[in-house]
Amino acid sequence: MTIKDLVGTFSVIGSNQDDEENSYKGFLYLSLDNNYRIVAKWTINDSQEQFGNGFFKNNILVINFNYLGLENTIYKGTVVYKCLSKDILEGFWSEEFGDPKFLGTENCFRVTDSKNLLN
């Protein structure tokens, strides 16, 4: 698998760092910059946007991300995905103000049909 194989849109199912019971859904959009580094954008629960940049080696994708949270605070973190295939990513993440006793989780599945973007 190469970094180019990861470009595309994925549906996301995840759980927050502070509560495995508190799950979320959304989409992850992966593209490449001019230096063949990953450019990521998440849309979580149809309302929150997150942005990141990362790199890929040995079927591991690492992305440093950030987003604008409550009270205009910028939150930063890192997500690590094990690329089970070019269509399935299994990950965990942590952000700087999250509970350090827990990791968030995120599973991503490639969207191959544009109708899936509407559901």
Protein backbone atom coordinates (compact mmCIF):
# COMPACT_ATOMS: atom_id res chain seq x y z
CA MET A 1 0.00 0.00 0.00
CA THR A 2 1.22 3.51 -0.81
CA ILE A 3 0.19 6.91 0.49
CA LYS A 4 -1.68 7.57 -2.77
CA ASP A 5 -3.95 4.58 -2.00
CA LEU A 6 -5.35 6.44 1.03
CA VAL A 7 -6.66 9.48 -0.85
CA GLY A 8 -10.45 9.63 -0.71
CA THR A 9 -13.46 9.89 1.56
CA PHE A 10 -14.13 7.69 4.60
CA SER A 11 -17.10 7.36 6.91
CA VAL A 12 -16.05 7.59 10.55
CA ILE A 13 -17.34 5.99 13.74
CA GLY A 14 -15.54 6.99 16.90
CA SER A 15 -15.61 7.41 20.64
CA ASN A 16 -14.34 10.39 22.61
CA GLN A 17 -11.24 10.35 24.79
CA ASP A 18 -13.19 10.89 27.99
CA ASP A 19 -16.05 8.46 27.50
CA GLU A 20 -16.18 5.30 25.39
CA GLU A 21 -19.98 5.44 25.64
CA ASN A 22 -20.09 8.86 23.94
CA SER A 23 -19.75 7.98 20.26
CA TYR A 24 -19.78 10.15 17.15
CA LYS A 25 -20.07 9.76 13.40
CA GLY A 26 -18.77 11.76 10.50
CA PHE A 27 -16.51 11.81 7.49
CA LEU A 28 -12.77 11.96 6.91
CA TYR A 29 -11.43 13.42 3.68
CA LEU A 30 -7.81 12.56 2.81
CA SER A 31 -5.76 14.25 0.11
CA LEU A 32 -2.06 14.88 -0.58
CA ASP A 33 -0.09 18.12 -0.59
CA ASN A 34 2.76 18.92 -3.03
CA ASN A 35 5.23 17.01 -0.82
CA TYR A 36 3.06 13.86 -0.72
CA ARG A 37 2.07 14.41 2.89
CA ILE A 38 -1.48 13.70 4.03
CA VAL A 39 -3.94 16.59 4.32
CA ALA A 40 -6.96 15.62 6.42
CA LYS A 41 -10.33 17.17 7.09
CA TRP A 42 -12.96 15.66 9.38
CA THR A 43 -16.61 16.62 9.61
CA ILE A 44 -17.95 15.30 12.91
CA ASN A 45 -21.68 15.01 13.66
CA ASP A 46 -22.48 17.34 10.73
CA SER A 47 -21.26 20.33 12.75
CA GLN A 48 -17.60 20.28 13.77
CA GLU A 49 -14.68 20.55 11.35
CA GLN A 50 -11.20 19.37 12.21
CA PHE A 51 -8.04 19.74 10.13
CA GLY A 52 -4.73 17.92 10.09
CA ASN A 53 -1.51 17.03 8.35
CA GLY A 54 0.32 13.76 8.54
CA PHE A 55 2.56 11.09 7.16
CA PHE A 56 2.41 7.40 6.24
CA LYS A 57 4.89 4.56 6.68
CA ASN A 58 4.60 0.76 7.06
CA ASN A 59 0.79 0.93 6.83
CA ILE A 60 0.65 3.39 9.74
CA LEU A 61 -0.90 6.82 9.19
CA VAL A 62 -0.15 9.55 11.77
CA ILE A 63 -2.02 12.87 11.65
CA ASN A 64 -1.60 15.91 13.89
CA PHE A 65 -4.98 17.65 14.03
CA ASN A 66 -6.62 20.79 15.38
CA TYR A 67 -10.07 22.28 15.67
CA LEU A 68 -11.83 25.32 17.05
CA GLY A 69 -13.79 24.35 20.15
CA LEU A 70 -15.90 26.09 22.72
CA GLU A 71 -15.08 29.68 23.63
CA ASN A 72 -12.89 29.95 20.49
CA THR A 73 -10.23 27.66 21.98
CA ILE A 74 -8.03 25.77 19.52
CA TYR A 75 -7.60 22.13 20.50
CA LYS A 76 -4.72 20.01 19.17
CA GLY A 77 -4.09 16.29 19.12
CA THR A 78 -2.72 13.30 17.27
CA VAL A 79 -4.47 10.34 15.69
CA VAL A 80 -2.73 7.10 14.69
CA TYR A 81 -4.38 4.77 12.18
CA LYS A 82 -3.40 1.22 11.41
CA CYS A 83 -4.29 0.85 7.72
CA LEU A 84 -5.82 -2.62 7.58
CA SER A 85 -6.39 -2.03 3.87
CA LYS A 86 -6.75 1.01 1.62
CA ASP A 87 -10.44 0.96 2.57
CA ILE A 88 -10.34 0.35 6.35
CA LEU A 89 -8.47 2.41 8.95
CA GLU A 90 -8.44 1.50 12.65
CA GLY A 91 -7.26 4.27 14.93
CA PHE A 92 -6.80 5.81 18.33
CA TRP A 93 -6.28 9.43 19.28
CA SER A 94 -5.51 11.84 22.08
CA GLU A 95 -5.75 15.59 22.41
CA GLU A 96 -3.89 17.94 24.69
CA PHE A 97 -6.80 18.78 27.02
CA GLY A 98 -8.36 15.31 27.02
CA ASP A 99 -8.29 12.93 29.97
CA PRO A 100 -4.79 11.34 29.81
CA LYS A 101 -6.17 8.11 31.30
CA PHE A 102 -8.14 7.40 28.11
CA LEU A 103 -7.66 7.28 24.36
CA GLY A 104 -10.33 8.06 21.81
CA THR A 105 -10.99 5.50 19.10
CA GLU A 106 -11.90 5.90 15.48
CA ASN A 107 -12.68 3.45 12.69
CA CYS A 108 -12.88 4.64 9.10
CA PHE A 109 -14.42 2.93 6.09
CA ARG A 110 -13.94 4.14 2.51
CA VAL A 111 -17.02 5.63 0.89
CA THR A 112 -17.31 4.13 -2.57
CA ASP A 113 -20.84 5.28 -3.38
CA SER A 114 -21.74 8.98 -3.26
CA LYS A 115 -25.18 8.03 -1.90
CA ASN A 116 -23.43 6.97 1.33
CA LEU A 117 -22.41 10.59 1.91
CA LEU A 118 -26.04 11.51 2.43
CA ASN A 119 -26.77 8.87 5.11
